[in-house]
Amino acid sequence: MEKQKGKPDIREKTLKYGLAYPVDEELVMMILGSGTKDMPVDVMAKKIVETLNRSNQGEVVANLLGLKGVGQGKALAVAAALELGKRRFCHLGAHIKTPGDIVPFVRHYAMCQQEHFLAITLNGGHDIIQIHVVSVGTVNRTLIHPRDVFGVAVRENAAAVILCHNHPSGRSNPSQEDIETTENLLEASSVLGIPVLDHIIIDCENYFSFLEHGLLFTEE
C-alpha cells in the first residue's frame, strides 16, 4: 500500500491499535493497496466511501465501476469486503425493542455531509430485515416520496418500518419539514397497512425519536 509522506503506515497503526482505529477511508485504503498514476490511493478511497454512502446493496459494484480509476479488481475487492462484513457482523435479524436499539446500526450516517433518508424494514417480531438508503439530498434537505419508503417494504413483505435520517447541521431536533414529511408518510402507512414505528433523526452525538417525543400522530 502507498505510504503517504510524513504519515505512519495505516497498516502499522491498525496492527498496533486494532481494526476499530482506522476511519472508513483508511479501511478502504488497506483494501485497495494502491491507487493509480493519476489518483493517489487516499483520494480514491475518499471517492469510494462517498459512493458507498449513497449506494444500496445491489448497486455497489456498478457504482464503483463508474468511478474513474476504479477497475473491476478494486471494485470487486471492496464489494467482497462489504459482503464478508455483512455476513459476519451484520444488523440483519437484530431485534428492535426501543428507538435506541436502532441507533448503532445507522450512526455512521451521521458523518455524511448530505442528508441520507433511510427506511429500516422489520418483520412481525420487529427484527431488522434490511436498512435501505431511499434518498440522498443536499446539505440540509432530501426529498422523500412514499413509494421510495414503502416500495422496499412491500417487496420484502415487511410488517413495519422505521424511518431515519441524519442532520448534517449537527442538531438532531426535527425541522417543520421533517414533521410534515413524517405526517405524509404516516398517511401512506395507514393506507398500505404497514405501520411506521418511529422516525429517528441522528447526529454525531445524539438522536431524536418521534415516538419518544409523542410526534407520531397515531392512535396508539
Protein backbone atom coordinates (compact mmCIF):
# COMPACT_ATOMS: atom_id res chain seq x y z
CA MET A 1 0.00 0.00 0.00
CA GLU A 2 1.21 3.52 -0.80
CA LYS A 3 2.65 5.29 2.22
CA GLN A 4 1.86 8.99 2.46
CA LYS A 5 4.85 11.21 3.13
CA GLY A 6 5.20 12.18 6.77
CA LYS A 7 2.43 9.80 7.92
CA PRO A 8 2.80 6.44 9.66
CA ASP A 9 1.68 3.46 7.62
CA ILE A 10 -2.01 2.78 8.25
CA ARG A 11 -1.35 -0.93 8.48
CA GLU A 12 1.23 -0.38 11.23
CA LYS A 13 -1.18 1.76 13.25
CA THR A 14 -4.00 -0.73 12.71
CA LEU A 15 -1.85 -3.60 13.94
CA LYS A 16 -0.99 -1.53 16.99
CA TYR A 17 -4.43 -0.14 17.85
CA GLY A 18 -6.84 -2.62 16.25
CA LEU A 19 -9.33 -2.53 13.38
CA ALA A 20 -11.59 -0.10 15.20
CA TYR A 21 -8.89 2.57 14.89
CA PRO A 22 -8.92 3.44 11.13
CA VAL A 23 -11.62 5.67 9.68
CA ASP A 24 -13.61 4.37 6.70
CA GLU A 25 -11.27 5.88 4.10
CA GLU A 26 -8.28 4.21 5.74
CA LEU A 27 -10.02 0.83 5.79
CA VAL A 28 -10.66 1.21 2.07
CA MET A 29 -7.03 2.19 1.52
CA MET A 30 -5.96 -1.09 3.09
CA ILE A 31 -8.35 -2.99 0.82
CA LEU A 32 -7.12 -1.18 -2.31
CA GLY A 33 -3.43 -1.38 -1.53
CA SER A 34 -2.57 1.28 -4.12
CA GLY A 35 -4.08 3.95 -6.30
CA THR A 36 -3.27 4.80 -9.89
CA LYS A 37 -0.84 7.14 -11.59
CA ASP A 38 -3.49 9.84 -11.79
CA MET A 39 -5.26 9.17 -8.49
CA PRO A 40 -3.44 8.53 -5.18
CA VAL A 41 -4.90 5.80 -3.00
CA ASP A 42 -6.18 8.24 -0.34
CA VAL A 43 -8.12 10.25 -2.94
CA MET A 44 -9.54 7.09 -4.48
CA ALA A 45 -10.54 5.78 -1.04
CA LYS A 46 -12.39 9.01 -0.25
CA LYS A 47 -14.34 8.81 -3.52
CA ILE A 48 -15.17 5.16 -2.88
CA VAL A 49 -16.51 5.88 0.62
CA GLU A 50 -18.67 8.69 -0.76
CA THR A 51 -20.01 6.29 -3.39
CA LEU A 52 -20.71 3.58 -0.82
CA ASN A 53 -22.65 6.03 1.34
CA ARG A 54 -25.13 6.69 -1.46
CA SER A 55 -25.36 3.14 -2.78
CA ASN A 56 -27.83 0.41 -1.94
CA GLN A 57 -26.66 -3.17 -1.71
CA GLY A 58 -27.27 -4.19 -5.29
CA GLU A 59 -25.70 -1.04 -6.75
CA VAL A 60 -22.25 -1.15 -5.15
CA VAL A 61 -20.18 -2.76 -7.91
CA ALA A 62 -21.82 -0.81 -10.74
CA ASN A 63 -21.44 2.50 -8.89
CA LEU A 64 -17.79 1.79 -8.06
CA LEU A 65 -17.04 0.92 -11.67
CA GLY A 66 -18.41 4.33 -12.58
CA LEU A 67 -15.54 5.98 -10.71
CA LYS A 68 -12.51 6.99 -12.75
CA GLY A 69 -9.55 4.76 -11.97
CA VAL A 70 -11.57 2.02 -10.24
CA GLY A 71 -11.43 -1.14 -12.31
CA GLN A 72 -13.10 -4.49 -11.81
CA GLY A 73 -10.42 -5.75 -9.44
CA LYS A 74 -10.70 -2.86 -6.99
CA ALA A 75 -14.48 -2.65 -7.26
CA LEU A 76 -14.89 -6.35 -6.54
CA ALA A 77 -12.34 -6.25 -3.71
CA VAL A 78 -14.33 -3.53 -1.94
CA ALA A 79 -17.66 -5.26 -2.61
CA ALA A 80 -16.28 -8.59 -1.37
CA ALA A 81 -15.06 -6.97 1.86
CA LEU A 82 -18.52 -5.49 2.39
CA GLU A 83 -20.18 -8.83 1.78
CA LEU A 84 -17.87 -10.61 4.20
CA GLY A 85 -18.52 -7.96 6.84
CA LYS A 86 -22.26 -8.26 6.28
CA ARG A 87 -22.14 -11.99 6.77
CA ARG A 88 -20.05 -11.81 9.94
CA PHE A 89 -21.13 -8.65 11.75
CA CYS A 90 -24.47 -7.61 10.36
CA HIS A 91 -27.55 -5.81 11.63
CA LEU A 92 -29.73 -8.36 9.87
CA GLY A 93 -32.07 -10.05 12.31
CA ALA A 94 -31.28 -7.66 15.15
CA HIS A 95 -34.28 -7.30 17.45
CA ILE A 96 -35.53 -3.76 17.97
CA LYS A 97 -37.31 -3.06 21.27
CA THR A 98 -36.65 0.66 21.77
CA PRO A 99 -35.68 3.58 19.47
CA GLY A 100 -32.17 3.50 20.87
CA ASP A 101 -31.70 -0.07 19.64
CA ILE A 102 -31.58 1.06 16.01
CA VAL A 103 -29.06 3.88 16.51
CA PRO A 104 -25.85 1.77 16.50
CA PHE A 105 -26.77 0.39 13.07
CA VAL A 106 -27.24 3.83 11.49
CA ARG A 107 -24.85 6.03 13.46
CA HIS A 108 -22.24 6.09 10.67
CA TYR A 109 -24.65 8.09 8.50
CA ALA A 110 -24.32 10.96 10.98
CA MET A 111 -20.89 11.65 9.47
CA CYS A 112 -22.28 12.25 5.98
CA GLN A 113 -22.27 15.78 4.61
CA GLN A 114 -25.60 15.20 2.85
CA GLU A 115 -28.92 14.09 4.25
CA HIS A 116 -29.46 10.35 3.86
CA PHE A 117 -33.02 9.13 4.38
CA LEU A 118 -33.30 5.50 5.45
CA ALA A 119 -36.12 3.01 5.57
CA ILE A 120 -35.47 0.19 8.02
CA THR A 121 -37.75 -2.77 7.30
CA LEU A 122 -38.79 -5.13 10.08
CA ASN A 123 -40.60 -8.44 10.29
CA GLY A 124 -43.54 -9.23 12.59
CA GLY A 125 -41.20 -9.81 15.52
CA HIS A 126 -39.58 -6.40 14.98
CA ASP A 127 -36.31 -7.93 13.79
CA ILE A 128 -34.45 -5.96 11.13
CA ILE A 129 -34.88 -7.24 7.59
CA GLN A 130 -32.73 -4.59 5.90
CA ILE A 131 -31.63 -0.96 6.08
CA HIS A 132 -32.27 0.91 2.82
CA VAL A 133 -30.99 4.27 1.61
CA VAL A 134 -34.10 5.60 -0.11
CA SER A 135 -32.93 9.16 -0.79
CA VAL A 136 -29.79 11.28 -0.69
CA GLY A 137 -30.27 15.03 -0.55
CA THR A 138 -28.31 18.24 -0.26
CA VAL A 139 -26.60 19.53 2.87
CA ASN A 140 -29.89 20.15 4.65
CA ARG A 141 -32.70 18.71 2.53
CA THR A 142 -33.76 15.46 0.95
CA LEU A 143 -36.99 14.83 -0.92
CA ILE A 144 -38.99 11.76 0.12
CA HIS A 145 -41.84 10.11 -1.72
CA PRO A 146 -43.94 7.38 -0.04
CA ARG A 147 -43.19 4.95 -2.89
CA ASP A 148 -39.47 5.15 -2.06
CA VAL A 149 -40.11 4.12 1.53
CA PHE A 150 -42.94 1.65 1.16
CA GLY A 151 -41.81 0.17 -2.14
CA VAL A 152 -38.96 -1.63 -0.37
CA ALA A 153 -41.27 -2.59 2.49
CA VAL A 154 -43.77 -4.20 0.12
CA ARG A 155 -41.04 -6.06 -1.79
CA GLU A 156 -39.68 -7.52 1.44
CA ASN A 157 -43.13 -8.27 2.88
CA ALA A 158 -42.20 -6.13 5.89
CA ALA A 159 -44.58 -5.91 8.83
CA ALA A 160 -43.35 -2.44 9.81
CA VAL A 161 -40.77 0.22 9.03
CA ILE A 162 -38.65 2.66 10.98
CA LEU A 163 -37.70 5.92 9.29
CA CYS A 164 -34.35 7.53 9.90
CA HIS A 165 -32.24 10.37 8.53
CA ASN A 166 -29.17 12.33 9.51
CA HIS A 167 -28.85 16.05 10.09
CA PRO A 168 -25.54 17.28 8.65
CA SER A 169 -26.11 20.53 10.56
CA GLY A 170 -25.20 18.67 13.74
CA ARG A 171 -28.50 19.08 15.60
CA SER A 172 -30.98 16.23 15.76
CA ASN A 173 -34.10 18.27 16.57
CA PRO A 174 -36.73 17.95 13.79
CA SER A 175 -37.49 20.79 11.43
CA GLN A 176 -41.01 21.68 10.36
CA GLU A 177 -40.28 19.94 7.08
CA ASP A 178 -39.29 16.79 8.98
CA ILE A 179 -42.61 16.85 10.83
CA GLU A 180 -44.59 17.38 7.62
CA THR A 181 -42.69 14.60 5.85
CA THR A 182 -43.46 12.26 8.74
CA GLU A 183 -47.16 13.16 8.61
CA ASN A 184 -47.27 12.40 4.87
CA LEU A 185 -45.56 9.06 5.31
CA LEU A 186 -47.87 8.15 8.19
CA GLU A 187 -50.86 8.80 5.94
CA ALA A 188 -49.41 6.46 3.32
CA SER A 189 -48.62 3.96 6.05
CA SER A 190 -52.26 3.91 7.11
CA VAL A 191 -53.44 3.23 3.56
CA LEU A 192 -50.92 0.44 2.94
CA GLY A 193 -51.27 -1.16 6.35
CA ILE A 194 -47.54 -1.06 7.05
CA PRO A 195 -47.06 0.83 10.31
CA VAL A 196 -44.28 3.35 10.88
CA LEU A 197 -42.89 2.52 14.30
CA ASP A 198 -40.68 5.58 14.60
CA HIS A 199 -38.79 8.31 12.79
CA ILE A 200 -35.31 8.81 14.19
CA ILE A 201 -33.02 11.74 13.41
CA ILE A 202 -29.34 11.26 14.16
CA ASP A 203 -26.34 13.50 14.53
CA CYS A 204 -22.82 12.62 15.63
CA GLU A 205 -23.66 12.53 19.35
CA ASN A 206 -27.44 12.35 19.82
CA TYR A 207 -30.66 11.15 18.29
CA PHE A 208 -34.26 12.36 18.27
CA SER A 209 -37.10 9.84 18.32
CA PHE A 210 -40.55 10.96 17.13
CA LEU A 211 -42.02 8.10 19.16
CA GLU A 212 -40.33 9.13 22.38
CA HIS A 213 -41.49 12.72 21.88
CA GLY A 214 -45.08 11.84 21.03
CA LEU A 215 -44.87 13.08 17.43
CA LEU A 216 -46.01 10.00 15.53
CA PHE A 217 -49.63 11.23 15.37
CA THR A 218 -51.02 7.72 15.65
CA GLU A 219 -53.96 6.48 17.67
CA GLU A 220 -51.57 4.35 19.67
